[in-house]
Amino acid sequence: MSIEVKNLTKFYGEQAAVHDISFTINKGEIVGFLGPNGAGKSTTMKIITGFIPSSAGEVKVCGMTVDLDSLETRRKIGYLPENNPLYLDMYVREYLEFVGKIYKVPNLKQRVDEMILQVGLEVEQNKQIGMLSKGYRQRVGLAQAIIHDPEVLILDEPTSGLDPNQLVEIRELIKKIGKQKTVMLSTHIMQEVEAICDRVIIIKRGQIVADDIAENLQHEVNMQVVYVEFDRAITKNQLSKIPGVSKVQALESENTWLIESTDPDDLRKAIAAFAQKNDLLALTIRKEERSLEEVFKALTK
């Protein structure tokens, strides 16, 4: 296993940012590490990369304990922090050569050329980093994270500030990298997780509340969404009185609705009974697939 986290805890004063969490990530896996702001995502990533110490527990990277083999584990890790700290007065190529020298990368000039091509920096390679847009700065940050060909890649909000075309390119790059490496990424973009992640870990208030593939999570969370179309208008207040209903949303008209429930019983039966009681004809009634965003909300609200 490339990443092993056992009973990890981190206190800031008396506040537990991370409390007794455990998980493993294998080589070739791309894992989305999700949670609301302040849940402990960045803290966990900083501990894995050796940037900050833990208060308790153990973290291993490629079989080595981070606390005991700090320098060696850092050689195995590529890290793109959330705030992407860069030397803004340096030029793109100059900066990548500087990082490559720190890691003692062989054939450095050739490797820098490869990185510039891989992350799409050809047009901007001779510019000062401070002159780049946020999207291109993210590309520079990603290039420095992989220039030494690490076995493990830790990415904190890697696509922040990218336009839609850049998003697709960087996602494809991460998927390509993930075939040979271990990738752990944090993001608030659920479509990104669905597009590139093999597995999802969700953390809330410093504790893991879910760890599974996205498809399984969508079926396990006890929440139903039903689309229904009646033959005539009906009010939100009337629909809200259906047993087990937690949320009602009107769509194109007051004839069509999305109705949510956290009740384990099939909501369609209750809606059909409601229609019969009120002399309504349900023209369409179907269960909707829950999105990962809805699952995330259900687990972290």
Protein backbone atom coordinates (compact mmCIF):
# COMPACT_ATOMS: atom_id res chain seq x y z
CA MET A 1 0.00 0.00 0.00
CA SER A 2 1.32 3.45 -0.92
CA ILE A 3 -0.45 5.36 1.87
CA GLU A 4 -1.37 3.90 5.27
CA VAL A 5 -3.04 6.08 7.89
CA LYS A 6 -3.71 4.49 11.28
CA ASN A 7 -5.59 6.17 14.15
CA LEU A 8 -4.41 9.61 13.05
CA THR A 9 -5.21 12.51 15.40
CA LYS A 10 -4.19 16.16 15.26
CA PHE A 11 -4.95 18.75 17.94
CA TYR A 12 -4.57 22.50 17.61
CA GLY A 13 -4.64 23.48 21.26
CA GLU A 14 -7.71 21.71 22.61
CA GLN A 15 -9.40 21.56 19.21
CA ALA A 16 -9.20 18.21 17.38
CA ALA A 17 -8.84 18.98 13.67
CA VAL A 18 -8.54 15.24 12.90
CA HIS A 19 -9.70 12.56 15.33
CA ASP A 20 -8.67 8.88 15.12
CA ILE A 21 -9.00 8.34 11.36
CA SER A 22 -7.67 5.33 9.45
CA PHE A 23 -7.54 4.48 5.73
CA THR A 24 -5.25 3.00 3.08
CA ILE A 25 -4.66 3.91 -0.57
CA ASN A 26 -3.10 1.45 -3.00
CA LYS A 27 -0.85 2.05 -5.98
CA GLY A 28 -2.83 2.93 -9.09
CA GLU A 29 -5.77 4.35 -7.12
CA ILE A 30 -7.10 7.89 -7.50
CA VAL A 31 -8.94 8.74 -4.29
CA GLY A 32 -11.08 11.82 -3.75
CA PHE A 33 -10.72 13.20 -0.23
CA LEU A 34 -13.86 15.24 0.39
CA GLY A 35 -15.38 17.25 3.20
CA PRO A 36 -16.78 20.69 4.03
CA ASN A 37 -14.47 23.56 4.90
CA GLY A 38 -12.75 22.94 8.24
CA ALA A 39 -13.36 19.17 8.14
CA GLY A 40 -9.65 18.30 8.39
CA LYS A 41 -8.76 17.58 4.74
CA SER A 42 -5.78 19.90 4.40
CA THR A 43 -4.52 19.00 7.89
CA THR A 44 -4.52 15.30 6.97
CA MET A 45 -2.69 15.99 3.71
CA LYS A 46 -0.08 18.13 5.43
CA ILE A 47 0.60 15.33 7.93
CA ILE A 48 0.93 12.73 5.15
CA THR A 49 3.42 14.95 3.31
CA GLY A 50 5.41 15.65 6.48
CA PHE A 51 4.68 19.38 6.55
CA ILE A 52 3.23 19.20 10.05
CA PRO A 53 3.48 16.51 12.77
CA SER A 54 0.54 14.48 14.06
CA SER A 55 -0.56 14.47 17.70
CA ALA A 56 -1.13 10.69 17.66
CA GLY A 57 -1.34 7.79 15.24
CA GLU A 58 0.89 6.64 12.41
CA VAL A 59 1.29 7.50 8.73
CA LYS A 60 3.29 5.39 6.28
CA VAL A 61 4.18 6.28 2.69
CA CYS A 62 5.53 3.47 0.50
CA GLY A 63 6.14 1.42 3.66
CA MET A 64 8.15 4.15 5.44
CA THR A 65 6.93 5.97 8.54
CA VAL A 66 6.64 9.69 7.82
CA ASP A 67 7.75 10.78 11.31
CA LEU A 68 10.87 8.58 11.21
CA ASP A 69 11.86 8.86 7.54
CA SER A 70 10.76 12.40 6.77
CA LEU A 71 13.29 13.20 4.02
CA GLU A 72 12.98 9.83 2.30
CA THR A 73 9.17 9.91 2.26
CA ARG A 74 9.20 13.45 0.84
CA ARG A 75 11.23 12.16 -2.10
CA LYS A 76 8.39 9.72 -2.79
CA ILE A 77 5.68 12.41 -2.66
CA GLY A 78 4.61 15.13 -5.07
CA TYR A 79 2.54 17.80 -3.31
CA LEU A 80 0.40 20.63 -4.64
CA PRO A 81 -0.87 22.61 -1.62
CA GLU A 82 -4.17 24.46 -1.63
CA ASN A 83 -2.58 27.93 -1.78
CA ASN A 84 0.04 26.83 -4.38
CA PRO A 85 3.04 28.81 -3.05
CA LEU A 86 5.28 29.87 -5.95
CA TYR A 87 8.22 32.25 -6.37
CA LEU A 88 6.43 34.91 -8.39
CA ASP A 89 9.63 36.73 -9.41
CA MET A 90 11.06 33.61 -11.08
CA TYR A 91 10.39 32.54 -14.66
CA VAL A 92 8.48 29.31 -15.36
CA ARG A 93 11.41 27.34 -16.77
CA GLU A 94 13.80 28.81 -14.19
CA TYR A 95 11.47 27.77 -11.34
CA LEU A 96 11.02 24.20 -12.59
CA GLU A 97 14.79 23.83 -12.99
CA PHE A 98 15.21 25.16 -9.44
CA VAL A 99 12.77 22.55 -8.05
CA GLY A 100 14.36 19.81 -10.16
CA LYS A 101 17.81 20.60 -8.73
CA ILE A 102 16.43 20.28 -5.18
CA TYR A 103 15.25 16.76 -6.05
CA LYS A 104 18.48 16.05 -7.98
CA VAL A 105 16.49 15.11 -11.10
CA PRO A 106 18.73 13.55 -13.80
CA ASN A 107 18.64 14.97 -17.34
CA LEU A 108 16.97 18.03 -15.86
CA LYS A 109 16.60 20.12 -19.02
CA GLN A 110 14.86 17.25 -20.81
CA ARG A 111 12.60 16.62 -17.81
CA VAL A 112 11.61 20.31 -17.63
CA ASP A 113 10.75 20.20 -21.35
CA GLU A 114 8.57 17.13 -20.70
CA MET A 115 6.76 18.83 -17.80
CA ILE A 116 6.10 22.01 -19.79
CA LEU A 117 4.60 19.94 -22.60
CA GLN A 118 2.66 17.63 -20.27
CA VAL A 119 0.84 20.37 -18.33
CA GLY A 120 0.39 22.72 -21.31
CA LEU A 121 2.81 25.53 -20.46
CA GLU A 122 4.49 25.84 -23.88
CA VAL A 123 3.15 29.33 -24.61
CA GLU A 124 3.89 30.63 -21.10
CA GLN A 125 7.22 28.89 -20.41
CA ASN A 126 9.35 32.04 -20.78
CA LYS A 127 7.11 34.27 -18.68
CA GLN A 128 7.59 35.38 -15.10
CA ILE A 129 5.29 33.39 -12.80
CA GLY A 130 3.85 36.60 -11.33
CA MET A 131 2.58 37.51 -14.82
CA LEU A 132 0.59 34.29 -15.23
CA SER A 133 -3.15 33.82 -14.72
CA LYS A 134 -4.31 31.69 -11.79
CA GLY A 135 -5.01 28.79 -14.12
CA TYR A 136 -1.47 28.77 -15.50
CA ARG A 137 -0.04 29.12 -12.00
CA GLN A 138 -1.92 25.93 -11.11
CA ARG A 139 -0.22 24.23 -14.04
CA VAL A 140 3.18 25.36 -12.78
CA GLY A 141 2.26 24.00 -9.34
CA LEU A 142 1.27 20.65 -10.83
CA ALA A 143 4.48 20.51 -12.89
CA GLN A 144 6.65 21.06 -9.80
CA ALA A 145 4.71 18.34 -7.95
CA ILE A 146 5.50 15.67 -10.57
CA ILE A 147 8.90 16.80 -11.90
CA HIS A 148 10.77 14.26 -9.74
CA ASP A 149 8.43 11.42 -10.86
CA PRO A 150 7.04 10.68 -7.35
CA GLU A 151 5.23 7.46 -6.46
CA VAL A 152 2.55 9.33 -4.50
CA LEU A 153 0.79 12.51 -5.56
CA ILE A 154 -1.12 14.67 -3.06
CA LEU A 155 -3.24 17.37 -4.70
CA ASP A 156 -5.19 19.94 -2.68
CA GLU A 157 -7.74 21.66 -4.96
CA PRO A 158 -5.66 20.98 -8.12
CA THR A 159 -8.11 22.52 -10.62
CA SER A 160 -8.87 25.72 -8.73
CA GLY A 161 -9.07 28.68 -11.13
CA LEU A 162 -9.01 26.68 -14.36
CA ASP A 163 -11.39 27.39 -17.24
CA PRO A 164 -13.58 24.55 -18.63
CA ASN A 165 -11.07 23.57 -21.34
CA GLN A 166 -8.17 23.55 -18.88
CA LEU A 167 -10.29 21.50 -16.44
CA VAL A 168 -10.69 18.72 -18.99
CA GLU A 169 -6.97 18.74 -19.83
CA ILE A 170 -5.80 18.62 -16.21
CA ARG A 171 -8.36 15.92 -15.32
CA GLU A 172 -7.08 13.77 -18.17
CA LEU A 173 -3.51 14.38 -17.01
CA ILE A 174 -4.38 13.31 -13.44
CA LYS A 175 -6.12 10.17 -14.74
CA LYS A 176 -3.07 9.33 -16.85
CA ILE A 177 -0.71 9.87 -13.92
CA GLY A 178 -2.97 7.82 -11.64
CA LYS A 179 -2.52 4.64 -13.68
CA GLN A 180 1.07 4.31 -12.46
CA LYS A 181 0.99 6.24 -9.18
CA THR A 182 -1.10 6.78 -6.07
CA VAL A 183 -3.15 9.96 -6.25
CA MET A 184 -5.02 11.57 -3.36
CA LEU A 185 -6.88 14.74 -4.22
CA SER A 186 -9.11 17.15 -2.38
CA THR A 187 -11.76 19.11 -4.24
CA HIS A 188 -15.18 20.71 -3.84
CA ILE A 189 -16.14 19.93 -7.46
CA MET A 190 -18.22 16.75 -7.34
CA GLN A 191 -18.22 16.33 -11.13
CA GLU A 192 -14.44 16.17 -10.93
CA VAL A 193 -14.61 13.35 -8.40
CA GLU A 194 -17.12 11.42 -10.52
CA ALA A 195 -14.94 11.91 -13.61
CA ILE A 196 -11.55 10.80 -12.30
CA CYS A 197 -11.72 9.15 -8.86
CA ASP A 198 -11.78 5.39 -8.24
CA ARG A 199 -12.83 5.85 -4.62
CA VAL A 200 -14.19 8.52 -2.29
CA ILE A 201 -13.33 9.25 1.34
CA ILE A 202 -15.60 11.79 3.04
CA ILE A 203 -14.52 13.46 6.26
CA LYS A 204 -16.71 15.52 8.59
CA ARG A 205 -15.51 17.33 11.72
CA GLY A 206 -12.26 15.40 11.68
CA GLN A 207 -13.82 11.94 11.33
CA ILE A 208 -14.40 9.71 8.31
CA VAL A 209 -18.10 9.25 7.54
CA ALA A 210 -17.74 7.33 4.24
CA ASP A 211 -15.09 5.36 2.36
CA ASP A 212 -16.24 3.56 -0.80
CA ILE A 213 -16.54 3.86 -4.56
CA ALA A 214 -18.90 6.65 -5.60
CA GLU A 215 -21.50 4.29 -7.09
CA ASN A 216 -21.84 2.38 -3.82
CA LEU A 217 -22.20 5.57 -1.80
CA GLN A 218 -25.01 6.73 -4.07
CA HIS A 219 -26.95 3.53 -3.25
CA GLU A 220 -26.09 3.27 0.45
CA VAL A 221 -27.11 6.74 1.58
CA ASN A 222 -30.67 6.58 2.84
CA MET A 223 -32.16 9.27 0.60
CA GLN A 224 -34.71 9.01 -2.21
CA VAL A 225 -35.47 11.52 -4.95
CA VAL A 226 -38.64 10.97 -6.99
CA TYR A 227 -39.75 12.88 -10.10
CA VAL A 228 -43.53 13.08 -10.40
CA GLU A 229 -45.87 14.70 -12.93
CA PHE A 230 -49.56 15.08 -12.12
CA ASP A 231 -52.44 15.77 -14.50
CA ARG A 232 -53.15 19.09 -12.78
CA ALA A 233 -51.53 21.65 -10.51
CA ILE A 234 -50.88 20.85 -6.86
CA THR A 235 -49.36 22.96 -4.10
CA LYS A 236 -46.04 22.48 -2.32
CA ASN A 237 -47.83 22.57 1.02
CA GLN A 238 -50.05 19.63 0.04
CA LEU A 239 -47.09 17.53 -1.15
CA SER A 240 -45.10 18.30 2.00
CA LYS A 241 -47.76 16.43 4.02
CA ILE A 242 -46.95 13.10 2.33
CA PRO A 243 -45.51 10.80 5.05
CA GLY A 244 -41.69 10.73 5.00
CA VAL A 245 -41.22 13.71 2.66
CA SER A 246 -38.25 15.94 3.62
CA LYS A 247 -38.08 18.33 0.64
CA VAL A 248 -40.32 19.38 -2.24
CA GLN A 249 -39.13 21.31 -5.31
CA ALA A 250 -41.30 22.60 -8.19
CA LEU A 251 -39.89 22.16 -11.70
CA GLU A 252 -41.36 23.63 -14.94
CA SER A 253 -44.85 24.09 -13.47
CA GLU A 254 -46.93 23.17 -10.43
CA ASN A 255 -47.71 19.90 -12.19
CA THR A 256 -44.12 18.54 -12.02
CA TRP A 257 -42.09 18.11 -8.84
CA LEU A 258 -38.96 16.61 -7.31
CA ILE A 259 -39.79 15.06 -3.95
CA GLU A 260 -37.11 13.90 -1.49
CA SER A 261 -37.32 11.54 1.46
CA THR A 262 -34.92 9.94 3.93
CA ASP A 263 -37.53 7.31 4.85
CA PRO A 264 -36.43 3.73 3.99
CA ASP A 265 -39.86 2.88 2.54
CA ASP A 266 -40.35 3.39 -1.21
CA LEU A 267 -41.54 6.99 -1.60
CA ARG A 268 -43.38 6.15 -4.83
CA LYS A 269 -45.98 4.15 -2.90
CA ALA A 270 -46.75 7.11 -0.64
CA ILE A 271 -47.02 9.44 -3.65
CA ALA A 272 -49.37 7.02 -5.45
CA ALA A 273 -51.55 6.77 -2.33
CA PHE A 274 -51.57 10.58 -2.07
CA ALA A 275 -52.64 10.89 -5.74
CA GLN A 276 -55.47 8.39 -5.29
CA LYS A 277 -56.72 10.10 -2.13
CA ASN A 278 -56.79 13.52 -3.84
CA ASP A 279 -58.28 12.30 -7.13
CA LEU A 280 -55.03 13.03 -9.01
CA LEU A 281 -53.54 11.12 -11.93
CA ALA A 282 -49.76 10.59 -11.68
CA LEU A 283 -48.72 10.78 -15.36
CA THR A 284 -45.06 10.06 -14.53
CA ILE A 285 -43.50 8.81 -11.32
CA ARG A 286 -39.87 7.66 -11.28
CA LYS A 287 -36.91 7.42 -8.95
CA GLU A 288 -34.01 9.71 -9.82
CA GLU A 289 -30.37 8.68 -9.45
CA ARG A 290 -28.78 10.53 -6.54
CA SER A 291 -25.82 12.64 -7.54
CA LEU A 292 -22.59 12.52 -5.57
CA GLU A 293 -23.28 16.10 -4.54
CA GLU A 294 -26.55 15.04 -2.92
CA VAL A 295 -24.79 12.17 -1.15
CA PHE A 296 -22.10 14.57 0.08
CA LYS A 297 -24.74 16.93 1.47
CA ALA A 298 -26.57 14.09 3.19
CA LEU A 299 -23.41 12.83 4.88
CA THR A 300 -21.95 16.19 5.94
CA LYS A 301 -24.88 18.50 6.70
